[in-house]
Amino acid sequence: MSRTEKQVLEELSDEQRALLKRVLEIERAKLHITAYDATDDLIAAVKEILP
């Protein structure tokens, strides 16, 4: 039986949740700025999470 979305989210670590939240914020921002390149922001978000 496959896991539900809720189960997957509940199993994430705090760091993974923080990264997911940041990625979603960046994606949401891209919807408002069509010419926006999120690559640098995504890399910065990952670097914030990883030591």
PDB file of N, CA and C in Angstrom:
ATOM      1  N   MET A   1       0.844  -1.197   0.000  1.00  0.00           N
ATOM      2  CA  MET A   1       0.000   0.000   0.000  1.00  0.00           C
ATOM      3  C   MET A   1       0.877   1.245   0.000  1.00  0.00           C
ATOM      4  N   SER A   2       0.567   2.195  -0.842  1.00  0.00           N
ATOM      5  CA  SER A   2       1.387   3.401  -0.941  1.00  0.00           C
ATOM      6  C   SER A   2       1.055   4.374   0.177  1.00  0.00           C
ATOM      7  N   ARG A   3       2.055   5.144   0.546  1.00  0.00           N
ATOM      8  CA  ARG A   3       1.888   6.140   1.607  1.00  0.00           C
ATOM      9  C   ARG A   3       1.127   7.351   1.072  1.00  0.00           C
ATOM     10  N   THR A   4       0.427   8.011   1.964  1.00  0.00           N
ATOM     11  CA  THR A   4      -0.285   9.221   1.569  1.00  0.00           C
ATOM     12  C   THR A   4       0.683  10.401   1.625  1.00  0.00           C
ATOM     13  N   GLU A   5       0.263  11.491   0.999  1.00  0.00           N
ATOM     14  CA  GLU A   5       1.064  12.716   1.049  1.00  0.00           C
ATOM     15  C   GLU A   5       1.309  13.145   2.497  1.00  0.00           C
ATOM     16  N   LYS A   6       0.274  13.053   3.302  1.00  0.00           N
ATOM     17  CA  LYS A   6       0.372  13.456   4.705  1.00  0.00           C
ATOM     18  C   LYS A   6       1.421  12.615   5.439  1.00  0.00           C
ATOM     19  N   GLN A   7       1.428  11.303   5.184  1.00  0.00           N
ATOM     20  CA  GLN A   7       2.404  10.430   5.836  1.00  0.00           C
ATOM     21  C   GLN A   7       3.826  10.801   5.427  1.00  0.00           C
ATOM     22  N   VAL A   8       4.014  11.060   4.150  1.00  0.00           N
ATOM     23  CA  VAL A   8       5.344  11.437   3.656  1.00  0.00           C
ATOM     24  C   VAL A   8       5.806  12.728   4.334  1.00  0.00           C
ATOM     25  N   LEU A   9       4.914  13.725   4.405  1.00  0.00           N
ATOM     26  CA  LEU A   9       5.265  15.007   5.023  1.00  0.00           C
ATOM     27  C   LEU A   9       5.574  14.837   6.505  1.00  0.00           C
ATOM     28  N   GLU A  10       4.834  13.974   7.195  1.00  0.00           N
ATOM     29  CA  GLU A  10       5.059  13.757   8.618  1.00  0.00           C
ATOM     30  C   GLU A  10       6.410  13.108   8.893  1.00  0.00           C
ATOM     31  N   GLU A  11       6.948  12.382   7.907  1.00  0.00           N
ATOM     32  CA  GLU A  11       8.222  11.685   8.086  1.00  0.00           C
ATOM     33  C   GLU A  11       9.435  12.567   7.780  1.00  0.00           C
ATOM     34  N   LEU A  12       9.203  13.757   7.274  1.00  0.00           N
ATOM     35  CA  LEU A  12      10.322  14.645   6.961  1.00  0.00           C
ATOM     36  C   LEU A  12      10.971  15.168   8.235  1.00  0.00           C
ATOM     37  N   SER A  13      12.284  15.350   8.168  1.00  0.00           N
ATOM     38  CA  SER A  13      13.002  15.975   9.276  1.00  0.00           C
ATOM     39  C   SER A  13      12.719  17.478   9.265  1.00  0.00           C
ATOM     40  N   ASP A  14      13.071  18.151  10.347  1.00  0.00           N
ATOM     41  CA  ASP A  14      12.887  19.605  10.412  1.00  0.00           C
ATOM     42  C   ASP A  14      13.622  20.297   9.270  1.00  0.00           C
ATOM     43  N   GLU A  15      14.827  19.819   8.956  1.00  0.00           N
ATOM     44  CA  GLU A  15      15.614  20.422   7.874  1.00  0.00           C
ATOM     45  C   GLU A  15      14.922  20.221   6.535  1.00  0.00           C
ATOM     46  N   GLN A  16      14.386  19.037   6.321  1.00  0.00           N
ATOM     47  CA  GLN A  16      13.690  18.762   5.063  1.00  0.00           C
ATOM     48  C   GLN A  16      12.430  19.606   4.943  1.00  0.00           C
ATOM     49  N   ARG A  17      11.723  19.785   6.048  1.00  0.00           N
ATOM     50  CA  ARG A  17      10.534  20.625   6.029  1.00  0.00           C
ATOM     51  C   ARG A  17      10.894  22.068   5.712  1.00  0.00           C
ATOM     52  N   ALA A  18      11.992  22.552   6.302  1.00  0.00           N
ATOM     53  CA  ALA A  18      12.424  23.927   6.052  1.00  0.00           C
ATOM     54  C   ALA A  18      12.772  24.117   4.571  1.00  0.00           C
ATOM     55  N   LEU A  19      13.468  23.146   4.003  1.00  0.00           N
ATOM     56  CA  LEU A  19      13.841  23.226   2.594  1.00  0.00           C
ATOM     57  C   LEU A  19      12.592  23.186   1.712  1.00  0.00           C
ATOM     58  N   LEU A  20      11.674  22.290   2.023  1.00  0.00           N
ATOM     59  CA  LEU A  20      10.439  22.200   1.253  1.00  0.00           C
ATOM     60  C   LEU A  20       9.668  23.514   1.314  1.00  0.00           C
ATOM     61  N   LYS A  21       9.586  24.097   2.496  1.00  0.00           N
ATOM     62  CA  LYS A  21       8.875  25.368   2.659  1.00  0.00           C
ATOM     63  C   LYS A  21       9.527  26.447   1.801  1.00  0.00           C
ATOM     64  N   ARG A  22      10.857  26.496   1.817  1.00  0.00           N
ATOM     65  CA  ARG A  22      11.589  27.504   1.036  1.00  0.00           C
ATOM     66  C   ARG A  22      11.368  27.295  -0.463  1.00  0.00           C
ATOM     67  N   VAL A  23      11.432  26.055  -0.905  1.00  0.00           N
ATOM     68  CA  VAL A  23      11.219  25.762  -2.333  1.00  0.00           C
ATOM     69  C   VAL A  23       9.809  26.195  -2.751  1.00  0.00           C
ATOM     70  N   LEU A  24       8.833  25.912  -1.895  1.00  0.00           N
ATOM     71  CA  LEU A  24       7.464  26.312  -2.222  1.00  0.00           C
ATOM     72  C   LEU A  24       7.324  27.828  -2.268  1.00  0.00           C
ATOM     73  N   GLU A  25       8.017  28.525  -1.368  1.00  0.00           N
ATOM     74  CA  GLU A  25       7.988  29.991  -1.393  1.00  0.00           C
ATOM     75  C   GLU A  25       8.586  30.520  -2.695  1.00  0.00           C
ATOM     76  N   ILE A  26       9.691  29.916  -3.127  1.00  0.00           N
ATOM     77  CA  ILE A  26      10.341  30.332  -4.374  1.00  0.00           C
ATOM     78  C   ILE A  26       9.427  30.049  -5.564  1.00  0.00           C
ATOM     79  N   GLU A  27       8.821  28.871  -5.576  1.00  0.00           N
ATOM     80  CA  GLU A  27       7.905  28.530  -6.672  1.00  0.00           C
ATOM     81  C   GLU A  27       6.723  29.493  -6.718  1.00  0.00           C
ATOM     82  N   ARG A  28       6.205  29.842  -5.561  1.00  0.00           N
ATOM     83  CA  ARG A  28       5.084  30.777  -5.501  1.00  0.00           C
ATOM     84  C   ARG A  28       5.516  32.144  -6.033  1.00  0.00           C
ATOM     85  N   ALA A  29       6.721  32.562  -5.678  1.00  0.00           N
ATOM     86  CA  ALA A  29       7.241  33.849  -6.164  1.00  0.00           C
ATOM     87  C   ALA A  29       7.377  33.831  -7.685  1.00  0.00           C
ATOM     88  N   LYS A  30       7.804  32.687  -8.234  1.00  0.00           N
ATOM     89  CA  LYS A  30       7.967  32.589  -9.685  1.00  0.00           C
ATOM     90  C   LYS A  30       6.647  32.766 -10.417  1.00  0.00           C
ATOM     91  N   LEU A  31       5.558  32.391  -9.795  1.00  0.00           N
ATOM     92  CA  LEU A  31       4.256  32.566 -10.437  1.00  0.00           C
ATOM     93  C   LEU A  31       3.929  34.044 -10.634  1.00  0.00           C
ATOM     94  N   HIS A  32       4.485  34.882  -9.766  1.00  0.00           N
ATOM     95  CA  HIS A  32       4.201  36.317  -9.827  1.00  0.00           C
ATOM     96  C   HIS A  32       5.194  37.070 -10.708  1.00  0.00           C
ATOM     97  N   ILE A  33       6.367  36.478 -10.921  1.00  0.00           N
ATOM     98  CA  ILE A  33       7.402  37.139 -11.731  1.00  0.00           C
ATOM     99  C   ILE A  33       7.812  36.154 -12.819  1.00  0.00           C
ATOM    100  N   THR A  34       7.238  36.307 -14.005  1.00  0.00           N
ATOM    101  CA  THR A  34       7.404  35.281 -15.037  1.00  0.00           C
ATOM    102  C   THR A  34       8.837  35.158 -15.546  1.00  0.00           C
ATOM    103  N   ALA A  35       9.596  36.240 -15.516  1.00  0.00           N
ATOM    104  CA  ALA A  35      10.962  36.187 -16.043  1.00  0.00           C
ATOM    105  C   ALA A  35      11.980  35.805 -14.962  1.00  0.00           C
ATOM    106  N   TYR A  36      11.487  35.439 -13.792  1.00  0.00           N
ATOM    107  CA  TYR A  36      12.336  35.172 -12.639  1.00  0.00           C
ATOM    108  C   TYR A  36      13.070  33.843 -12.782  1.00  0.00           C
ATOM    109  N   ASP A  37      14.392  33.840 -12.595  1.00  0.00           N
ATOM    110  CA  ASP A  37      15.191  32.612 -12.609  1.00  0.00           C
ATOM    111  C   ASP A  37      15.526  32.277 -11.159  1.00  0.00           C
ATOM    112  N   ALA A  38      14.953  31.192 -10.655  1.00  0.00           N
ATOM    113  CA  ALA A  38      15.091  30.845  -9.238  1.00  0.00           C
ATOM    114  C   ALA A  38      16.347  30.030  -8.934  1.00  0.00           C
ATOM    115  N   THR A  39      17.192  29.755  -9.920  1.00  0.00           N
ATOM    116  CA  THR A  39      18.340  28.879  -9.699  1.00  0.00           C
ATOM    117  C   THR A  39      19.200  29.338  -8.525  1.00  0.00           C
ATOM    118  N   ASP A  40      19.579  30.606  -8.510  1.00  0.00           N
ATOM    119  CA  ASP A  40      20.427  31.107  -7.427  1.00  0.00           C
ATOM    120  C   ASP A  40      19.737  31.009  -6.075  1.00  0.00           C
ATOM    121  N   ASP A  41      18.451  31.323  -6.036  1.00  0.00           N
ATOM    122  CA  ASP A  41      17.702  31.228  -4.788  1.00  0.00           C
ATOM    123  C   ASP A  41      17.589  29.779  -4.319  1.00  0.00           C
ATOM    124  N   LEU A  42      17.390  28.852  -5.259  1.00  0.00           N
ATOM    125  CA  LEU A  42      17.319  27.436  -4.890  1.00  0.00           C
ATOM    126  C   LEU A  42      18.650  26.961  -4.326  1.00  0.00           C
ATOM    127  N   ILE A  43      19.750  27.347  -4.967  1.00  0.00           N
ATOM    128  CA  ILE A  43      21.073  26.964  -4.475  1.00  0.00           C
ATOM    129  C   ILE A  43      21.318  27.559  -3.094  1.00  0.00           C
ATOM    130  N   ALA A  44      20.945  28.808  -2.898  1.00  0.00           N
ATOM    131  CA  ALA A  44      21.111  29.463  -1.605  1.00  0.00           C
ATOM    132  C   ALA A  44      20.281  28.754  -0.537  1.00  0.00           C
ATOM    133  N   ALA A  45      19.073  28.334  -0.881  1.00  0.00           N
ATOM    134  CA  ALA A  45      18.207  27.647   0.071  1.00  0.00           C
ATOM    135  C   ALA A  45      18.823  26.319   0.496  1.00  0.00           C
ATOM    136  N   VAL A  46      19.378  25.591  -0.456  1.00  0.00           N
ATOM    137  CA  VAL A  46      20.022  24.316  -0.146  1.00  0.00           C
ATOM    138  C   VAL A  46      21.236  24.549   0.747  1.00  0.00           C
ATOM    139  N   LYS A  47      22.036  25.567   0.430  1.00  0.00           N
ATOM    140  CA  LYS A  47      23.217  25.868   1.237  1.00  0.00           C
ATOM    141  C   LYS A  47      22.872  26.268   2.660  1.00  0.00           C
ATOM    142  N   GLU A  48      21.691  26.878   2.847  1.00  0.00           N
ATOM    143  CA  GLU A  48      21.245  27.236   4.201  1.00  0.00           C
ATOM    144  C   GLU A  48      20.960  25.984   5.016  1.00  0.00           C
ATOM    145  N   ILE A  49      20.454  24.952   4.360  1.00  0.00           N
ATOM    146  CA  ILE A  49      20.062  23.725   5.043  1.00  0.00           C
ATOM    147  C   ILE A  49      21.279  22.829   5.299  1.00  0.00           C
ATOM    148  N   LEU A  50      22.145  22.709   4.296  1.00  0.00           N
ATOM    149  CA  LEU A  50      23.308  21.831   4.425  1.00  0.00           C
ATOM    150  C   LEU A  50      24.453  22.560   5.117  1.00  0.00           C
ATOM    151  N   PRO A  51      25.192  21.831   5.949  1.00  0.00           N
ATOM    152  CA  PRO A  51      26.326  22.479   6.644  1.00  0.00           C
ATOM    153  C   PRO A  51      27.449  22.852   5.684  1.00  0.00           C
TER     154      PRO A  51
END
